[in-house]
PDB file of N, CA and C in Angstrom:
ATOM      1  N   MET A   1     -17.221  -7.369  -3.603  1.00  0.00           N
ATOM      2  CA  MET A   1     -16.933  -6.467  -2.500  1.00  0.00           C
ATOM      3  C   MET A   1     -15.463  -6.040  -2.570  1.00  0.00           C
ATOM      4  N   SER A   2     -15.206  -4.802  -2.279  1.00  0.00           N
ATOM      5  CA  SER A   2     -13.880  -4.221  -2.387  1.00  0.00           C
ATOM      6  C   SER A   2     -13.292  -3.964  -0.994  1.00  0.00           C
ATOM      7  N   THR A   3     -12.018  -4.291  -0.807  1.00  0.00           N
ATOM      8  CA  THR A   3     -11.326  -4.053   0.459  1.00  0.00           C
ATOM      9  C   THR A   3     -10.204  -3.052   0.217  1.00  0.00           C
ATOM     10  N   PRO A   4     -10.208  -1.905   0.917  1.00  0.00           N
ATOM     11  CA  PRO A   4      -9.152  -0.911   0.690  1.00  0.00           C
ATOM     12  C   PRO A   4      -7.802  -1.364   1.239  1.00  0.00           C
ATOM     13  N   ILE A   5      -6.742  -0.929   0.576  1.00  0.00           N
ATOM     14  CA  ILE A   5      -5.384  -1.105   1.083  1.00  0.00           C
ATOM     15  C   ILE A   5      -5.010   0.227   1.705  1.00  0.00           C
ATOM     16  N   LEU A   6      -5.003   0.251   3.037  1.00  0.00           N
ATOM     17  CA  LEU A   6      -4.788   1.488   3.793  1.00  0.00           C
ATOM     18  C   LEU A   6      -3.392   1.537   4.377  1.00  0.00           C
ATOM     19  N   ILE A   7      -2.872   2.757   4.515  1.00  0.00           N
ATOM     20  CA  ILE A   7      -1.617   2.974   5.239  1.00  0.00           C
ATOM     21  C   ILE A   7      -1.994   3.191   6.705  1.00  0.00           C
ATOM     22  N   ALA A   8      -1.561   2.285   7.550  1.00  0.00           N
ATOM     23  CA  ALA A   8      -1.941   2.317   8.964  1.00  0.00           C
ATOM     24  C   ALA A   8      -1.478   3.604   9.642  1.00  0.00           C
ATOM     25  N   ASP A   9      -2.311   4.116  10.525  1.00  0.00           N
ATOM     26  CA  ASP A   9      -1.999   5.346  11.249  1.00  0.00           C
ATOM     27  C   ASP A   9      -0.805   5.187  12.189  1.00  0.00           C
ATOM     28  N   ASP A  10      -0.492   3.952  12.575  1.00  0.00           N
ATOM     29  CA  ASP A  10       0.603   3.722  13.516  1.00  0.00           C
ATOM     30  C   ASP A  10       1.817   3.046  12.857  1.00  0.00           C
ATOM     31  N   LEU A  11       1.915   3.131  11.534  1.00  0.00           N
ATOM     32  CA  LEU A  11       3.004   2.451  10.829  1.00  0.00           C
ATOM     33  C   LEU A  11       4.370   3.063  11.147  1.00  0.00           C
ATOM     34  N   TRP A  12       4.426   4.393  11.345  1.00  0.00           N
ATOM     35  CA  TRP A  12       5.666   5.061  11.749  1.00  0.00           C
ATOM     36  C   TRP A  12       5.315   6.190  12.700  1.00  0.00           C
ATOM     37  N   ASP A  13       6.331   6.664  13.426  1.00  0.00           N
ATOM     38  CA  ASP A  13       6.141   7.756  14.394  1.00  0.00           C
ATOM     39  C   ASP A  13       6.059   9.093  13.670  1.00  0.00           C
ATOM     40  N   GLY A  14       5.334  10.020  14.266  1.00  0.00           N
ATOM     41  CA  GLY A  14       5.264  11.370  13.722  1.00  0.00           C
ATOM     42  C   GLY A  14       4.259  11.495  12.596  1.00  0.00           C
ATOM     43  N   ASP A  15       4.216  12.704  12.019  1.00  0.00           N
ATOM     44  CA  ASP A  15       3.258  13.014  10.966  1.00  0.00           C
ATOM     45  C   ASP A  15       3.897  13.114   9.588  1.00  0.00           C
ATOM     46  N   ALA A  16       5.112  12.630   9.442  1.00  0.00           N
ATOM     47  CA  ALA A  16       5.799  12.705   8.149  1.00  0.00           C
ATOM     48  C   ALA A  16       5.017  11.932   7.085  1.00  0.00           C
ATOM     49  N   GLU A  17       5.144  12.377   5.856  1.00  0.00           N
ATOM     50  CA  GLU A  17       4.531  11.663   4.737  1.00  0.00           C
ATOM     51  C   GLU A  17       5.468  10.561   4.269  1.00  0.00           C
ATOM     52  N   ALA A  18       4.958   9.706   3.414  1.00  0.00           N
ATOM     53  CA  ALA A  18       5.750   8.605   2.861  1.00  0.00           C
ATOM     54  C   ALA A  18       5.645   8.647   1.343  1.00  0.00           C
ATOM     55  N   VAL A  19       6.491   7.860   0.695  1.00  0.00           N
ATOM     56  CA  VAL A  19       6.495   7.744  -0.760  1.00  0.00           C
ATOM     57  C   VAL A  19       6.349   6.264  -1.111  1.00  0.00           C
ATOM     58  N   ILE A  20       5.511   5.973  -2.091  1.00  0.00           N
ATOM     59  CA  ILE A  20       5.412   4.599  -2.580  1.00  0.00           C
ATOM     60  C   ILE A  20       6.652   4.340  -3.435  1.00  0.00           C
ATOM     61  N   THR A  21       7.523   3.461  -2.968  1.00  0.00           N
ATOM     62  CA  THR A  21       8.767   3.198  -3.699  1.00  0.00           C
ATOM     63  C   THR A  21       8.581   2.132  -4.768  1.00  0.00           C
ATOM     64  N   SER A  22       7.686   1.173  -4.541  1.00  0.00           N
ATOM     65  CA  SER A  22       7.428   0.177  -5.583  1.00  0.00           C
ATOM     66  C   SER A  22       6.150  -0.599  -5.299  1.00  0.00           C
ATOM     67  N   TRP A  23       5.504  -0.974  -6.379  1.00  0.00           N
ATOM     68  CA  TRP A  23       4.419  -1.949  -6.332  1.00  0.00           C
ATOM     69  C   TRP A  23       5.046  -3.278  -6.707  1.00  0.00           C
ATOM     70  N   LEU A  24       4.833  -4.298  -5.898  1.00  0.00           N
ATOM     71  CA  LEU A  24       5.420  -5.609  -6.123  1.00  0.00           C
ATOM     72  C   LEU A  24       4.518  -6.502  -6.966  1.00  0.00           C
ATOM     73  N   VAL A  25       3.289  -6.041  -7.189  1.00  0.00           N
ATOM     74  CA  VAL A  25       2.291  -6.774  -7.963  1.00  0.00           C
ATOM     75  C   VAL A  25       1.696  -5.791  -8.967  1.00  0.00           C
ATOM     76  N   SER A  26       1.399  -6.251 -10.157  1.00  0.00           N
ATOM     77  CA  SER A  26       0.829  -5.395 -11.198  1.00  0.00           C
ATOM     78  C   SER A  26      -0.655  -5.143 -10.967  1.00  0.00           C
ATOM     79  N   ASP A  27      -1.121  -4.009 -11.454  1.00  0.00           N
ATOM     80  CA  ASP A  27      -2.541  -3.682 -11.426  1.00  0.00           C
ATOM     81  C   ASP A  27      -3.308  -4.772 -12.173  1.00  0.00           C
ATOM     82  N   GLY A  28      -4.379  -5.280 -11.567  1.00  0.00           N
ATOM     83  CA  GLY A  28      -5.185  -6.316 -12.196  1.00  0.00           C
ATOM     84  C   GLY A  28      -4.747  -7.731 -11.882  1.00  0.00           C
ATOM     85  N   ALA A  29      -3.650  -7.891 -11.128  1.00  0.00           N
ATOM     86  CA  ALA A  29      -3.149  -9.220 -10.788  1.00  0.00           C
ATOM     87  C   ALA A  29      -3.910  -9.807  -9.601  1.00  0.00           C
ATOM     88  N   GLU A  30      -3.969 -11.115  -9.538  1.00  0.00           N
ATOM     89  CA  GLU A  30      -4.562 -11.819  -8.400  1.00  0.00           C
ATOM     90  C   GLU A  30      -3.585 -11.778  -7.229  1.00  0.00           C
ATOM     91  N   VAL A  31      -4.105 -11.508  -6.031  1.00  0.00           N
ATOM     92  CA  VAL A  31      -3.284 -11.524  -4.817  1.00  0.00           C
ATOM     93  C   VAL A  31      -3.993 -12.357  -3.754  1.00  0.00           C
ATOM     94  N   GLY A  32      -3.212 -12.887  -2.840  1.00  0.00           N
ATOM     95  CA  GLY A  32      -3.748 -13.607  -1.700  1.00  0.00           C
ATOM     96  C   GLY A  32      -3.661 -12.742  -0.456  1.00  0.00           C
ATOM     97  N   GLN A  33      -4.507 -13.002   0.499  1.00  0.00           N
ATOM     98  CA  GLN A  33      -4.447 -12.244   1.746  1.00  0.00           C
ATOM     99  C   GLN A  33      -3.070 -12.425   2.373  1.00  0.00           C
ATOM    100  N   GLY A  34      -2.440 -11.317   2.756  1.00  0.00           N
ATOM    101  CA  GLY A  34      -1.115 -11.349   3.362  1.00  0.00           C
ATOM    102  C   GLY A  34       0.035 -11.251   2.382  1.00  0.00           C
ATOM    103  N   ASP A  35      -0.254 -11.336   1.072  1.00  0.00           N
ATOM    104  CA  ASP A  35       0.802 -11.177   0.071  1.00  0.00           C
ATOM    105  C   ASP A  35       1.382  -9.767   0.139  1.00  0.00           C
ATOM    106  N   LEU A  36       2.699  -9.644  -0.041  1.00  0.00           N
ATOM    107  CA  LEU A  36       3.307  -8.320  -0.111  1.00  0.00           C
ATOM    108  C   LEU A  36       2.943  -7.697  -1.451  1.00  0.00           C
ATOM    109  N   VAL A  37       2.375  -6.489  -1.415  1.00  0.00           N
ATOM    110  CA  VAL A  37       1.947  -5.849  -2.653  1.00  0.00           C
ATOM    111  C   VAL A  37       2.686  -4.548  -2.945  1.00  0.00           C
ATOM    112  N   ALA A  38       3.215  -3.882  -1.904  1.00  0.00           N
ATOM    113  CA  ALA A  38       3.886  -2.595  -2.126  1.00  0.00           C
ATOM    114  C   ALA A  38       4.929  -2.351  -1.044  1.00  0.00           C
ATOM    115  N   GLU A  39       5.840  -1.427  -1.362  1.00  0.00           N
ATOM    116  CA  GLU A  39       6.816  -0.939  -0.395  1.00  0.00           C
ATOM    117  C   GLU A  39       6.722   0.579  -0.367  1.00  0.00           C
ATOM    118  N   ILE A  40       6.771   1.128   0.834  1.00  0.00           N
ATOM    119  CA  ILE A  40       6.768   2.581   0.989  1.00  0.00           C
ATOM    120  C   ILE A  40       7.942   2.983   1.864  1.00  0.00           C
ATOM    121  N   MET A  41       8.346   4.251   1.755  1.00  0.00           N
ATOM    122  CA  MET A  41       9.450   4.751   2.558  1.00  0.00           C
ATOM    123  C   MET A  41       9.048   6.053   3.228  1.00  0.00           C
ATOM    124  N   SER A  42       9.359   6.138   4.532  1.00  0.00           N
ATOM    125  CA  SER A  42       9.140   7.360   5.297  1.00  0.00           C
ATOM    126  C   SER A  42      10.351   7.592   6.171  1.00  0.00           C
ATOM    127  N   GLU A  43      10.918   8.762   6.060  1.00  0.00           N
ATOM    128  CA  GLU A  43      12.087   9.138   6.867  1.00  0.00           C
ATOM    129  C   GLU A  43      13.169   8.063   6.839  1.00  0.00           C
ATOM    130  N   LYS A  44      13.510   7.597   5.645  1.00  0.00           N
ATOM    131  CA  LYS A  44      14.569   6.621   5.406  1.00  0.00           C
ATOM    132  C   LYS A  44      14.275   5.236   5.981  1.00  0.00           C
ATOM    133  N   ALA A  45      13.025   4.973   6.346  1.00  0.00           N
ATOM    134  CA  ALA A  45      12.612   3.645   6.802  1.00  0.00           C
ATOM    135  C   ALA A  45      11.684   3.041   5.756  1.00  0.00           C
ATOM    136  N   GLN A  46      11.951   1.797   5.385  1.00  0.00           N
ATOM    137  CA  GLN A  46      11.159   1.097   4.373  1.00  0.00           C
ATOM    138  C   GLN A  46      10.099   0.243   5.072  1.00  0.00           C
ATOM    139  N   PHE A  47       8.876   0.254   4.561  1.00  0.00           N
ATOM    140  CA  PHE A  47       7.779  -0.531   5.112  1.00  0.00           C
ATOM    141  C   PHE A  47       7.147  -1.354   3.999  1.00  0.00           C
ATOM    142  N   GLU A  48       6.751  -2.582   4.342  1.00  0.00           N
ATOM    143  CA  GLU A  48       6.086  -3.461   3.382  1.00  0.00           C
ATOM    144  C   GLU A  48       4.585  -3.421   3.630  1.00  0.00           C
ATOM    145  N   ILE A  49       3.813  -3.370   2.559  1.00  0.00           N
ATOM    146  CA  ILE A  49       2.360  -3.314   2.650  1.00  0.00           C
ATOM    147  C   ILE A  49       1.800  -4.633   2.126  1.00  0.00           C
ATOM    148  N   GLU A  50       0.925  -5.253   2.913  1.00  0.00           N
ATOM    149  CA  GLU A  50       0.339  -6.538   2.561  1.00  0.00           C
ATOM    150  C   GLU A  50      -1.083  -6.372   2.055  1.00  0.00           C
ATOM    151  N   ALA A  51      -1.528  -7.321   1.257  1.00  0.00           N
ATOM    152  CA  ALA A  51      -2.915  -7.354   0.798  1.00  0.00           C
ATOM    153  C   ALA A  51      -3.810  -7.722   1.985  1.00  0.00           C
ATOM    154  N   PRO A  52      -4.860  -6.940   2.236  1.00  0.00           N
ATOM    155  CA  PRO A  52      -5.739  -7.231   3.361  1.00  0.00           C
ATOM    156  C   PRO A  52      -6.742  -8.350   3.082  1.00  0.00           C
ATOM    157  N   ALA A  53      -6.853  -8.765   1.822  1.00  0.00           N
ATOM    158  CA  ALA A  53      -7.798  -9.801   1.429  1.00  0.00           C
ATOM    159  C   ALA A  53      -7.311 -10.426   0.123  1.00  0.00           C
ATOM    160  N   ALA A  54      -7.925 -11.523  -0.270  1.00  0.00           N
ATOM    161  CA  ALA A  54      -7.612 -12.154  -1.549  1.00  0.00           C
ATOM    162  C   ALA A  54      -8.517 -11.575  -2.634  1.00  0.00           C
ATOM    163  N   GLY A  55      -7.981 -11.449  -3.849  1.00  0.00           N
ATOM    164  CA  GLY A  55      -8.775 -10.939  -4.960  1.00  0.00           C
ATOM    165  C   GLY A  55      -7.885 -10.314  -6.014  1.00  0.00           C
ATOM    166  N   VAL A  56      -8.443  -9.354  -6.745  1.00  0.00           N
ATOM    167  CA  VAL A  56      -7.733  -8.675  -7.827  1.00  0.00           C
ATOM    168  C   VAL A  56      -7.286  -7.294  -7.349  1.00  0.00           C
ATOM    169  N   LEU A  57      -5.992  -6.987  -7.530  1.00  0.00           N
ATOM    170  CA  LEU A  57      -5.432  -5.708  -7.086  1.00  0.00           C
ATOM    171  C   LEU A  57      -5.820  -4.575  -8.028  1.00  0.00           C
ATOM    172  N   LYS A  58      -6.283  -3.479  -7.461  1.00  0.00           N
ATOM    173  CA  LYS A  58      -6.544  -2.235  -8.200  1.00  0.00           C
ATOM    174  C   LYS A  58      -5.667  -1.159  -7.571  1.00  0.00           C
ATOM    175  N   ILE A  59      -4.674  -0.668  -8.302  1.00  0.00           N
ATOM    176  CA  ILE A  59      -3.757   0.359  -7.803  1.00  0.00           C
ATOM    177  C   ILE A  59      -4.412   1.729  -7.947  1.00  0.00           C
ATOM    178  N   LEU A  60      -4.459   2.487  -6.858  1.00  0.00           N
ATOM    179  CA  LEU A  60      -5.035   3.836  -6.870  1.00  0.00           C
ATOM    180  C   LEU A  60      -3.976   4.931  -6.835  1.00  0.00           C
ATOM    181  N   GLU A  61      -2.807   4.641  -6.269  1.00  0.00           N
ATOM    182  CA  GLU A  61      -1.698   5.604  -6.194  1.00  0.00           C
ATOM    183  C   GLU A  61      -0.475   4.970  -6.851  1.00  0.00           C
ATOM    184  N   GLU A  62       0.119   5.662  -7.781  1.00  0.00           N
ATOM    185  CA  GLU A  62       1.265   5.140  -8.529  1.00  0.00           C
ATOM    186  C   GLU A  62       2.567   5.240  -7.729  1.00  0.00           C
ATOM    187  N   GLU A  63       3.610   4.565  -8.216  1.00  0.00           N
ATOM    188  CA  GLU A  63       4.944   4.680  -7.616  1.00  0.00           C
ATOM    189  C   GLU A  63       5.369   6.140  -7.594  1.00  0.00           C
ATOM    190  N   ASP A  64       6.095   6.518  -6.567  1.00  0.00           N
ATOM    191  CA  ASP A  64       6.601   7.869  -6.320  1.00  0.00           C
ATOM    192  C   ASP A  64       5.525   8.833  -5.816  1.00  0.00           C
ATOM    193  N   ALA A  65       4.297   8.350  -5.615  1.00  0.00           N
ATOM    194  CA  ALA A  65       3.252   9.207  -5.042  1.00  0.00           C
ATOM    195  C   ALA A  65       3.566   9.468  -3.569  1.00  0.00           C
ATOM    196  N   VAL A  66       3.343  10.691  -3.135  1.00  0.00           N
ATOM    197  CA  VAL A  66       3.507  11.063  -1.736  1.00  0.00           C
ATOM    198  C   VAL A  66       2.181  10.807  -1.032  1.00  0.00           C
ATOM    199  N   ILE A  67       2.246  10.060   0.066  1.00  0.00           N
ATOM    200  CA  ILE A  67       1.039   9.666   0.779  1.00  0.00           C
ATOM    201  C   ILE A  67       1.166   9.967   2.267  1.00  0.00           C
ATOM    202  N   ALA A  68       0.038  10.066   2.925  1.00  0.00           N
ATOM    203  CA  ALA A  68      -0.004  10.304   4.370  1.00  0.00           C
ATOM    204  C   ALA A  68      -0.560   9.074   5.067  1.00  0.00           C
ATOM    205  N   LYS A  69      -0.391   9.004   6.367  1.00  0.00           N
ATOM    206  CA  LYS A  69      -1.009   7.949   7.156  1.00  0.00           C
ATOM    207  C   LYS A  69      -2.515   7.977   6.911  1.00  0.00           C
ATOM    208  N   GLY A  70      -3.111   6.810   6.852  1.00  0.00           N
ATOM    209  CA  GLY A  70      -4.546   6.719   6.630  1.00  0.00           C
ATOM    210  C   GLY A  70      -4.948   6.728   5.168  1.00  0.00           C
ATOM    211  N   ALA A  71      -4.002   6.952   4.262  1.00  0.00           N
ATOM    212  CA  ALA A  71      -4.310   7.012   2.823  1.00  0.00           C
ATOM    213  C   ALA A  71      -4.689   5.634   2.286  1.00  0.00           C
ATOM    214  N   THR A  72      -5.566   5.630   1.295  1.00  0.00           N
ATOM    215  CA  THR A  72      -5.915   4.422   0.576  1.00  0.00           C
ATOM    216  C   THR A  72      -5.084   4.412  -0.701  1.00  0.00           C
ATOM    217  N   ILE A  73      -4.210   3.409  -0.840  1.00  0.00           N
ATOM    218  CA  ILE A  73      -3.321   3.368  -2.001  1.00  0.00           C
ATOM    219  C   ILE A  73      -3.784   2.377  -3.058  1.00  0.00           C
ATOM    220  N   GLY A  74      -4.719   1.528  -2.696  1.00  0.00           N
ATOM    221  CA  GLY A  74      -5.234   0.543  -3.636  1.00  0.00           C
ATOM    222  C   GLY A  74      -6.437  -0.159  -3.052  1.00  0.00           C
ATOM    223  N   ARG A  75      -6.977  -1.095  -3.837  1.00  0.00           N
ATOM    224  CA  ARG A  75      -8.105  -1.919  -3.397  1.00  0.00           C
ATOM    225  C   ARG A  75      -7.881  -3.344  -3.851  1.00  0.00           C
ATOM    226  N   VAL A  76      -8.488  -4.264  -3.102  1.00  0.00           N
ATOM    227  CA  VAL A  76      -8.546  -5.647  -3.542  1.00  0.00           C
ATOM    228  C   VAL A  76     -10.016  -5.930  -3.812  1.00  0.00           C
ATOM    229  N   GLU A  77     -10.317  -6.282  -5.052  1.00  0.00           N
ATOM    230  CA  GLU A  77     -11.713  -6.493  -5.452  1.00  0.00           C
ATOM    231  C   GLU A  77     -12.015  -7.962  -5.639  1.00  0.00           C
TER     232      GLU A  77
END
């Protein structure tokens, strides 16, 4: 079963987009629930993204990708 890594709709104010500044874990790596897996930036504010479940990380959006609230940036399989 696959669990999406979503950018929460309430992570920042407004409708501005964000950029994935770094993946902290490699594609295909094992992650635990709550592990920090990525960092994104919106309007000069940095946000940390956690794994929603334990499993193997599948990256769907690469570093420097522009993303919106609600976007799926990866999966945990």
